[in-house]
Each structure stands twice: as structure tokens, then as C-alpha cells.
Amino acid sequence: MALTDPLQSRTTDFQASTTDYTAGEEPWNKNIKGYVIDPLSTETNTYICDWDKWHGIYRNVAELRSTIDVWSRWIVGKKLLMDKNTEKSVSRIKGNGKDTFRQILMNIKRTSKIGGDCFAEKIKDKAGRLINLKILDPGTIQINADNFGIIKNYEQVSSKEILRKVLNKWEPDEIFHLSNERIADEIHGIPEAEKLQKMIKIRHQGMDDYTVVLHRYGKPTFFYEANTDDDTELEHIRTTINNAVKNFENVITPKGTLNNIERTSVPHYSIPDPMPWFKFLRSYFTESSNVPDLIRGKSDEVSLAAGKLNYLGYKEKIEMEQIEYSEQIKAQLGLEIGFEAPVDIDIEEMANKTDSKQKNV
């Protein structure tokens, strides 16, 4: 028989199979070569934000919402820096009628980070003075540029319809337009969630899967083999068992009613510990979002030295964005407004003061 014939033995040839490779085509390079990152061009003529998508991610993903909110609050700060004349001018700007100017600036910054862009209509009186800023729905604003990439107008369109209708139109100087991290010749900004969405999906998929695993520990699935095929009797058994489980009661059945009961659950230690993976994803999210865990309120794993470095690095980024925001306000609104820089903190000095207080107590 061929399957047991010693003459059918063969010798491998590692020398030829492991060394005769063309550079870059080795087996261990196949997966890397097959991993393709999609190219992405820039929009230079017409663009409309996919606001529903990015807004949905922001509203439903807690860590992303926390990141964008705390980032925007740090940029705008507690107080706007301006002279008395500017303060008097902006005091009449009420947004939707209930906003303060600081809240409007906060909303603009946060919206631009969520969807990449924020648009606010500049409303002026007969003398040409700015009397209000009305934030618009980014998902309905279409940016139109000429062949040289220069924005020529903004249009509000009925985006919910197949055939879009132009509802309103503005010249460039009639709209306050703030873009988030605009790049190259694009006429729009980049949503913060764009670089994070794949990681968010991976993390939440893992959490959902592990939730099912934990659920199976506490509530396993049972298979009951009933000694009948009558539909009425089977339904009665099903109802009895379900009510017993629901009300944490016992079930007593006549002998022979149930032939066999099998329990299915996830055996203990049968899956890898997911916590290191979740911690890695959280750390990767933090690095990618540019907002340290310490700033978002999680500091249990941060040393004093690391916390100080994280704060100083984040403070530098905030100050740069504050400068850029002030420049846009000056260029588009003609208002000289600054933002309070994050406070300088000597964490070591604070720690010493805390230790001293504890010793005195």
C-alpha cells in the first residue's frame, strides 16, 4: 500500500526553499506587501462635510467625545482677553439668542474638530458692524472654489434630497469658516475622528465580544431534551423553564419529562486575558488623539515626572491652537481677542505642599 510504503519517503530541500528568494518577495513579506493603505486625494473645487457620520461618532463614542470636549475647553479657556471696546462689541452677539460670545467660540471650535469645519453666518447692521454670529449645520454647507482652489462662495443645500436644491448662498466674507488642521490645497478641514475611527471600532468590538463572554459565565445556555414532540407540551415546558429562570425558582417535573440537560458556557481560562489588549488600545488612542490621559481625568497610572511632561507637552499644543484661533478671529471678524494660556504648574512643588499638609494633619 502506498500510504505505508517506506519507498514513498521524501527528503526536504531547505537549502533551495529558504535561500533562493527574490528580494522583497520572501514569504514573510507577503502579508506586509498585501497590506495596502488606500491613497487619498485632496478636494479642491467642491466639498460638503459628511456631518451626520462624524457627529454620530462623536455623540456615541464616549472617549472621543471626552477628548474633543476637553480639548475645546482648554483652547477657549475660562476668560476671553479683549479690550473694553471689543468687549462692548461682542456683548451683542447672542448666536441663537441665548448664547454668550465665549460659548459661540467654544461651539465653533468643537464643531470644527468633530466634522473638520464649522460655518457661522456673519450678521451685520446697516453700518456694516458685526451684530451676530449664527452657526450653521455643516452637513448642509457646500464649499465652492475656482480652478485655482480659491473659495468663491458657500451654498446651503437641501442635502436630504436626491436632487439638491440651493437654499441660500454667501460670499466668502459673509461666512466665518474655521477649518481643523487643513492640509495642502484642500478647501476644508479634517475631522479628528478620521484618524481614530478604525481604532475605535477595534476597541468597541473587543469590548462587545468580551461582554458576551462574561455574560456566558453568569448566564450559560442550556439545552433540554424533552421526552415529547408534542408542540403544546413543548411550549408548556419552555414557558415553565423560562419563568423559573426569570424568577430564580426551581423546576419540578414528572420522571421522564426531560431525558437530558446540557449546559454550554465559556470555560474558565479558555480565552486570552483581554485587559492588556484593551490597555494597549487605550494607550494607542491617547497617543493618536494628542490628549493625554491625565488631561481627561485618568491619572492613576501616571508618575509625577510623566504627568509633568504630559502637561507641558499638551500646554504647548494648546497655546499654538489658541494663537491660530485668535489669528482667524482677527482675519475674518476683525476682532482682537486672545485666550488665557493654561496655567504654569510645578507639579513637584504641589506634591511637596500636599505632603506637608498631610503631615500637619
Protein backbone atom coordinates (compact mmCIF):
# COMPACT_ATOMS: atom_id res chain seq x y z
CA MET A 1 0.00 0.00 0.00
CA ALA A 2 1.35 3.40 -0.94
CA LEU A 3 0.46 5.05 2.39
CA THR A 4 2.73 2.70 4.34
CA ASP A 5 5.40 2.01 1.74
CA PRO A 6 8.84 3.22 3.03
CA LEU A 7 9.88 3.75 -0.56
CA GLN A 8 7.46 6.69 -0.71
CA SER A 9 9.54 8.73 1.79
CA ARG A 10 10.90 12.07 0.59
CA THR A 11 13.64 14.48 1.69
CA THR A 12 13.01 18.20 2.06
CA ASP A 13 15.26 20.78 0.41
CA PHE A 14 15.64 23.66 2.90
CA GLN A 15 18.72 24.95 1.11
CA ALA A 16 16.82 25.82 -2.04
CA SER A 17 13.45 26.63 -0.45
CA THR A 18 14.74 29.07 2.19
CA THR A 19 17.52 30.95 0.39
CA ASP A 20 16.54 31.22 -3.26
CA TYR A 21 14.20 34.21 -2.85
CA THR A 22 13.90 37.37 -4.84
CA ALA A 23 14.44 40.39 -2.58
CA GLY A 24 11.12 41.69 -1.33
CA GLU A 25 9.21 38.56 -2.33
CA GLU A 26 10.07 36.38 0.67
CA PRO A 27 7.12 34.55 2.26
CA TRP A 28 7.39 36.66 5.42
CA ASN A 29 6.94 39.80 3.34
CA LYS A 30 3.73 38.70 1.66
CA ASN A 31 1.41 39.95 4.39
CA ILE A 32 3.19 43.31 4.55
CA LYS A 33 3.11 43.66 0.80
CA GLY A 34 -0.56 42.76 0.74
CA TYR A 35 -1.46 45.37 3.33
CA VAL A 36 -2.47 48.37 1.27
CA ILE A 37 -3.25 51.80 2.69
CA ASP A 38 -5.72 53.50 0.39
CA PRO A 39 -4.49 56.66 -1.32
CA LEU A 40 -6.45 59.83 -0.67
CA SER A 41 -6.59 62.92 -2.86
CA THR A 42 -7.48 66.43 -1.74
CA GLU A 43 -10.77 68.13 -2.57
CA THR A 44 -10.03 71.46 -4.22
CA ASN A 45 -13.21 72.50 -6.05
CA THR A 46 -16.35 71.39 -4.21
CA TYR A 47 -16.83 69.88 -0.78
CA ILE A 48 -19.61 69.17 1.68
CA CYS A 49 -18.98 67.64 5.10
CA ASP A 50 -20.43 64.22 5.99
CA TRP A 51 -21.68 65.75 9.22
CA ASP A 52 -24.14 63.01 10.17
CA LYS A 53 -21.34 60.42 10.17
CA TRP A 54 -18.82 62.38 12.24
CA HIS A 55 -21.43 63.83 14.57
CA GLY A 56 -22.81 60.33 15.19
CA ILE A 57 -19.36 59.02 16.12
CA TYR A 58 -18.80 61.97 18.45
CA ARG A 59 -22.15 61.54 20.20
CA ASN A 60 -21.86 57.78 20.66
CA VAL A 61 -18.18 57.19 21.43
CA ALA A 62 -17.55 58.35 24.98
CA GLU A 63 -13.76 58.56 24.82
CA LEU A 64 -13.84 60.59 21.59
CA ARG A 65 -16.45 62.98 22.94
CA SER A 66 -14.47 63.45 26.14
CA THR A 67 -11.30 64.10 24.14
CA ILE A 68 -12.83 66.72 21.84
CA ASP A 69 -14.73 68.43 24.65
CA VAL A 70 -11.73 68.79 26.95
CA TRP A 71 -9.55 69.90 24.04
CA SER A 72 -12.01 72.65 23.06
CA ARG A 73 -12.46 73.81 26.66
CA TRP A 74 -8.71 74.15 27.12
CA ILE A 75 -8.37 76.21 23.93
CA VAL A 76 -11.16 78.69 24.71
CA GLY A 77 -10.47 78.72 28.44
CA LYS A 78 -12.39 80.47 31.19
CA LYS A 79 -11.99 84.04 30.01
CA LEU A 80 -11.55 85.88 26.72
CA LEU A 81 -8.83 88.51 26.59
CA MET A 82 -10.00 91.74 24.93
CA ASP A 83 -10.18 95.50 25.49
CA LYS A 84 -13.32 97.31 26.62
CA ASN A 85 -14.35 98.39 23.12
CA THR A 86 -14.13 94.84 21.80
CA GLU A 87 -15.96 93.55 24.86
CA LYS A 88 -18.76 96.03 24.19
CA SER A 89 -18.93 94.97 20.52
CA VAL A 90 -19.17 91.25 21.21
CA SER A 91 -21.68 91.65 24.05
CA ARG A 92 -24.50 91.99 21.49
CA ILE A 93 -23.52 88.76 19.71
CA LYS A 94 -26.02 86.18 21.04
CA GLY A 95 -25.87 83.34 18.50
CA ASN A 96 -29.24 81.59 18.72
CA GLY A 97 -30.42 84.25 21.17
CA LYS A 98 -29.24 82.53 24.35
CA ASP A 99 -25.50 82.20 23.69
CA THR A 100 -22.63 84.23 25.03
CA PHE A 101 -19.75 85.08 22.71
CA ARG A 102 -17.48 82.70 24.60
CA GLN A 103 -19.99 79.86 24.18
CA ILE A 104 -20.20 80.63 20.46
CA LEU A 105 -16.42 80.41 20.09
CA MET A 106 -16.45 77.16 22.07
CA ASN A 107 -19.17 75.71 19.83
CA ILE A 108 -17.29 76.74 16.67
CA LYS A 109 -14.04 75.14 17.84
CA ARG A 110 -15.74 71.92 18.96
CA THR A 111 -17.79 71.64 15.74
CA SER A 112 -14.69 72.13 13.60
CA LYS A 113 -12.93 69.30 15.43
CA ILE A 114 -15.91 66.97 15.06
CA GLY A 115 -16.61 67.46 11.36
CA GLY A 116 -13.47 69.21 10.18
CA ASP A 117 -15.21 72.54 9.50
CA CYS A 118 -17.57 74.97 11.18
CA PHE A 119 -19.51 77.71 9.42
CA ALA A 120 -21.13 80.74 11.07
CA GLU A 121 -23.07 83.41 9.21
CA LYS A 122 -21.82 86.92 9.92
CA ILE A 123 -24.86 89.10 10.51
CA LYS A 124 -24.23 92.86 10.29
CA ASP A 125 -26.28 96.01 10.77
CA LYS A 126 -26.76 98.74 8.17
CA ALA A 127 -23.49 100.34 9.20
CA GLY A 128 -21.63 97.11 8.48
CA ARG A 129 -20.94 96.31 12.14
CA LEU A 130 -20.99 92.69 13.26
CA ILE A 131 -24.04 92.15 15.46
CA ASN A 132 -24.33 88.35 15.49
CA LEU A 133 -22.75 85.03 14.54
CA LYS A 134 -25.20 82.26 13.65
CA ILE A 135 -23.66 78.79 13.46
CA LEU A 136 -24.92 76.73 10.50
CA ASP A 137 -25.37 72.99 10.01
CA PRO A 138 -22.03 71.84 8.48
CA GLY A 139 -23.80 68.98 6.70
CA THR A 140 -25.76 71.45 4.55
CA ILE A 141 -22.95 73.84 3.63
CA GLN A 142 -21.20 73.27 0.32
CA ILE A 143 -17.85 74.96 -0.27
CA ASN A 144 -17.27 76.02 -3.87
CA ALA A 145 -13.83 77.03 -5.15
CA ASP A 146 -12.47 78.08 -8.54
CA ASN A 147 -9.91 76.17 -10.59
CA PHE A 148 -7.12 77.72 -8.55
CA GLY A 149 -8.51 76.39 -5.27
CA ILE A 150 -9.70 79.81 -4.05
CA ILE A 151 -13.07 79.69 -2.26
CA LYS A 152 -15.58 81.69 -4.29
CA ASN A 153 -18.79 81.10 -2.28
CA TYR A 154 -20.70 78.95 0.20
CA GLU A 155 -24.08 77.38 -0.55
CA GLN A 156 -26.63 75.91 1.83
CA VAL A 157 -28.17 72.91 0.11
CA SER A 158 -31.02 70.53 0.84
CA SER A 159 -28.70 67.58 1.45
CA LYS A 160 -31.54 65.20 2.39
CA GLU A 161 -32.89 65.17 -1.14
CA ILE A 162 -31.56 63.24 -4.14
CA LEU A 163 -31.57 66.41 -6.24
CA ARG A 164 -30.00 69.04 -4.03
CA LYS A 165 -31.53 72.49 -4.08
CA VAL A 166 -29.62 75.63 -3.18
CA LEU A 167 -31.42 77.26 -0.26
CA ASN A 168 -29.01 80.10 0.44
CA LYS A 169 -25.76 81.49 -0.85
CA TRP A 170 -22.98 83.58 0.74
CA GLU A 171 -19.85 85.32 -0.44
CA PRO A 172 -16.61 84.26 1.30
CA ASP A 173 -16.52 87.34 3.57
CA GLU A 174 -20.07 86.67 4.78
CA ILE A 175 -19.16 83.38 6.49
CA PHE A 176 -16.82 82.76 9.41
CA HIS A 177 -15.20 79.48 8.37
CA LEU A 178 -12.94 77.59 10.77
CA SER A 179 -11.11 74.53 9.45
CA ASN A 180 -9.43 71.88 11.60
CA GLU A 181 -5.87 71.05 10.51
CA ARG A 182 -6.40 71.85 6.84
CA ILE A 183 -3.68 70.32 4.68
CA ALA A 184 -2.12 71.10 1.27
CA ASP A 185 -4.56 72.69 -1.19
CA GLU A 186 -7.74 71.35 0.40
CA ILE A 187 -10.61 73.78 0.90
CA HIS A 188 -11.80 72.03 4.07
CA GLY A 189 -10.52 70.70 7.40
CA ILE A 190 -10.01 67.18 8.71
CA PRO A 191 -12.33 65.58 11.32
CA GLU A 192 -10.49 64.43 14.45
CA ALA A 193 -12.34 61.09 14.34
CA GLU A 194 -10.99 60.28 10.86
CA LYS A 195 -7.67 59.01 12.23
CA LEU A 196 -9.31 57.32 15.23
CA GLN A 197 -12.36 55.56 13.79
CA LYS A 198 -10.63 52.25 12.94
CA MET A 199 -9.11 52.05 16.40
CA ILE A 200 -12.46 52.92 17.97
CA LYS A 201 -14.15 50.10 16.06
CA ILE A 202 -11.50 47.59 17.12
CA ARG A 203 -11.75 48.57 20.78
CA HIS A 204 -15.53 48.53 20.92
CA GLN A 205 -15.70 45.26 19.00
CA GLY A 206 -13.39 43.73 21.60
CA MET A 207 -15.46 45.12 24.48
CA ASP A 208 -18.68 43.81 22.93
CA ASP A 209 -17.15 40.36 22.43
CA TYR A 210 -15.85 40.23 25.98
CA THR A 211 -19.24 41.34 27.29
CA VAL A 212 -20.74 38.24 25.66
CA VAL A 213 -18.04 36.07 27.25
CA LEU A 214 -18.77 37.47 30.72
CA HIS A 215 -22.48 37.07 30.11
CA ARG A 216 -21.95 33.39 29.34
CA TYR A 217 -20.22 32.92 32.69
CA GLY A 218 -23.17 34.31 34.61
CA LYS A 219 -25.95 33.09 32.34
CA PRO A 220 -25.00 29.98 30.34
CA THR A 221 -27.17 28.45 27.65
CA PHE A 222 -28.97 25.17 28.45
CA PHE A 223 -30.15 22.51 26.01
CA TYR A 224 -33.13 20.49 27.30
CA GLU A 225 -34.02 17.16 25.73
CA ALA A 226 -37.74 16.68 26.32
CA ASN A 227 -39.38 13.27 26.16
CA THR A 228 -42.08 14.50 23.77
CA ASP A 229 -42.53 16.04 20.37
CA ASP A 230 -45.97 17.47 21.02
CA ASP A 231 -45.98 21.23 20.34
CA THR A 232 -48.33 22.03 23.21
CA GLU A 233 -46.28 20.06 25.71
CA LEU A 234 -43.00 21.55 24.44
CA GLU A 235 -44.42 25.05 24.74
CA HIS A 236 -45.55 24.35 28.30
CA ILE A 237 -42.07 23.08 29.24
CA ARG A 238 -40.45 26.10 27.62
CA THR A 239 -42.70 28.53 29.49
CA THR A 240 -42.13 26.74 32.80
CA ILE A 241 -38.33 26.81 32.43
CA ASN A 242 -38.23 30.45 31.25
CA ASN A 243 -40.41 31.60 34.16
CA ALA A 244 -38.25 29.68 36.61
CA VAL A 245 -35.06 31.29 35.28
CA LYS A 246 -36.67 34.73 35.22
CA ASN A 247 -37.95 34.47 38.81
CA PHE A 248 -34.96 32.46 40.18
CA GLU A 249 -37.18 29.50 41.06
CA ASN A 250 -36.70 25.72 40.85
CA VAL A 251 -38.44 23.39 38.39
CA ILE A 252 -40.04 20.08 39.37
CA THR A 253 -41.09 17.77 36.54
CA PRO A 254 -42.50 14.21 36.44
CA LYS A 255 -39.96 11.47 35.89
CA GLY A 256 -39.14 11.03 32.23
CA THR A 257 -40.27 14.52 31.17
CA LEU A 258 -36.70 15.61 30.45
CA ASN A 259 -34.24 12.99 29.26
CA ASN A 260 -31.12 15.14 29.29
CA ILE A 261 -29.95 18.65 30.18
CA GLU A 262 -26.73 20.04 28.76
CA ARG A 263 -25.10 23.29 29.80
CA THR A 264 -22.95 25.36 27.43
CA SER A 265 -20.71 28.16 28.66
CA VAL A 266 -17.24 29.54 28.13
CA PRO A 267 -14.78 27.50 30.23
CA HIS A 268 -12.69 29.43 32.71
CA TYR A 269 -9.24 30.49 31.39
CA SER A 270 -10.19 29.25 27.92
CA ILE A 271 -9.65 32.66 26.29
CA PRO A 272 -6.71 35.10 26.42
CA ASP A 273 -6.87 37.84 29.03
CA PRO A 274 -8.24 40.83 27.06
CA MET A 275 -7.16 43.52 29.54
CA PRO A 276 -3.60 44.00 28.19
CA TRP A 277 -5.09 44.42 24.71
CA PHE A 278 -7.66 46.95 25.96
CA LYS A 279 -4.94 48.88 27.80
CA PHE A 280 -2.80 48.96 24.66
CA LEU A 281 -5.72 50.26 22.59
CA ARG A 282 -6.42 52.95 25.18
CA SER A 283 -2.76 53.97 25.14
CA TYR A 284 -2.75 53.99 21.33
CA PHE A 285 -5.92 56.11 21.31
CA THR A 286 -4.26 58.58 23.69
CA GLU A 287 -1.15 58.87 21.53
CA SER A 288 -3.21 59.33 18.36
CA SER A 289 -5.68 61.82 19.83
CA ASN A 290 -2.92 64.08 21.25
CA VAL A 291 -4.78 64.45 24.55
CA PRO A 292 -3.02 62.72 27.49
CA ASP A 293 -4.98 60.51 29.89
CA LEU A 294 -4.02 62.92 32.65
CA ILE A 295 -5.88 65.76 30.93
CA ARG A 296 -9.00 63.62 30.52
CA GLY A 297 -9.00 62.87 34.24
CA LYS A 298 -7.28 59.46 34.37
CA SER A 299 -4.05 59.71 36.35
CA ASP A 300 -3.82 56.51 38.39
CA GLU A 301 -1.03 55.10 36.21
CA VAL A 302 0.90 58.33 35.63
CA SER A 303 4.03 59.08 37.66
CA LEU A 304 4.79 62.59 38.86
CA ALA A 305 7.55 63.11 36.28
CA ALA A 306 5.46 61.69 33.41
CA GLY A 307 2.49 63.79 34.46
CA LYS A 308 4.58 66.94 34.38
CA LEU A 309 5.93 66.15 30.91
CA ASN A 310 2.46 65.29 29.61
CA TYR A 311 1.08 68.57 30.91
CA LEU A 312 3.90 70.67 29.46
CA GLY A 313 3.62 68.98 26.06
CA TYR A 314 -0.14 69.42 25.97
CA LYS A 315 0.13 73.04 27.14
CA GLU A 316 2.38 73.81 24.17
CA LYS A 317 -0.15 72.37 21.71
CA ILE A 318 -2.99 74.31 23.31
CA GLU A 319 -1.10 77.60 23.11
CA MET A 320 -0.38 77.05 19.42
CA GLU A 321 -4.05 76.42 18.68
CA GLN A 322 -5.04 79.47 20.72
CA ILE A 323 -2.73 81.63 18.60
CA GLU A 324 -4.14 80.18 15.37
CA TYR A 325 -7.73 80.67 16.58
CA SER A 326 -7.01 84.31 17.51
CA GLU A 327 -5.48 84.87 14.08
CA GLN A 328 -8.61 83.52 12.36
CA ILE A 329 -10.90 85.68 14.51
CA LYS A 330 -8.82 88.75 13.64
CA ALA A 331 -8.65 87.92 9.92
CA GLN A 332 -12.32 87.01 9.45
CA LEU A 333 -14.14 89.06 12.11
CA GLY A 334 -11.77 91.96 12.67
CA LEU A 335 -11.77 91.38 16.44
CA GLU A 336 -8.67 91.40 18.65
CA ILE A 337 -9.38 88.52 21.00
CA GLY A 338 -6.95 86.35 22.91
CA PHE A 339 -7.29 83.31 25.13
CA GLU A 340 -5.90 82.61 28.57
CA ALA A 341 -2.95 80.26 28.33
CA PRO A 342 -3.04 77.16 30.56
CA VAL A 343 -1.52 77.89 33.95
CA ASP A 344 2.09 77.06 34.66
CA ILE A 345 2.17 74.29 37.21
CA ASP A 346 5.14 72.99 39.14
CA ILE A 347 3.81 69.55 39.93
CA GLU A 348 6.70 68.71 42.23
CA GLU A 349 6.06 71.83 44.31
CA MET A 350 2.36 70.92 44.54
CA ALA A 351 3.25 67.41 45.65
CA ASN A 352 5.52 68.79 48.40
CA LYS A 353 2.75 71.08 49.62
CA THR A 354 0.32 68.16 49.71
CA ASP A 355 2.79 66.06 51.73
CA SER A 356 3.30 68.91 54.16
CA LYS A 357 -0.43 69.29 54.71
CA GLN A 358 -0.83 65.56 55.31
CA LYS A 359 1.99 65.60 57.85
CA ASN A 360 0.42 68.54 59.70
CA VAL A 361 -2.88 66.69 59.87
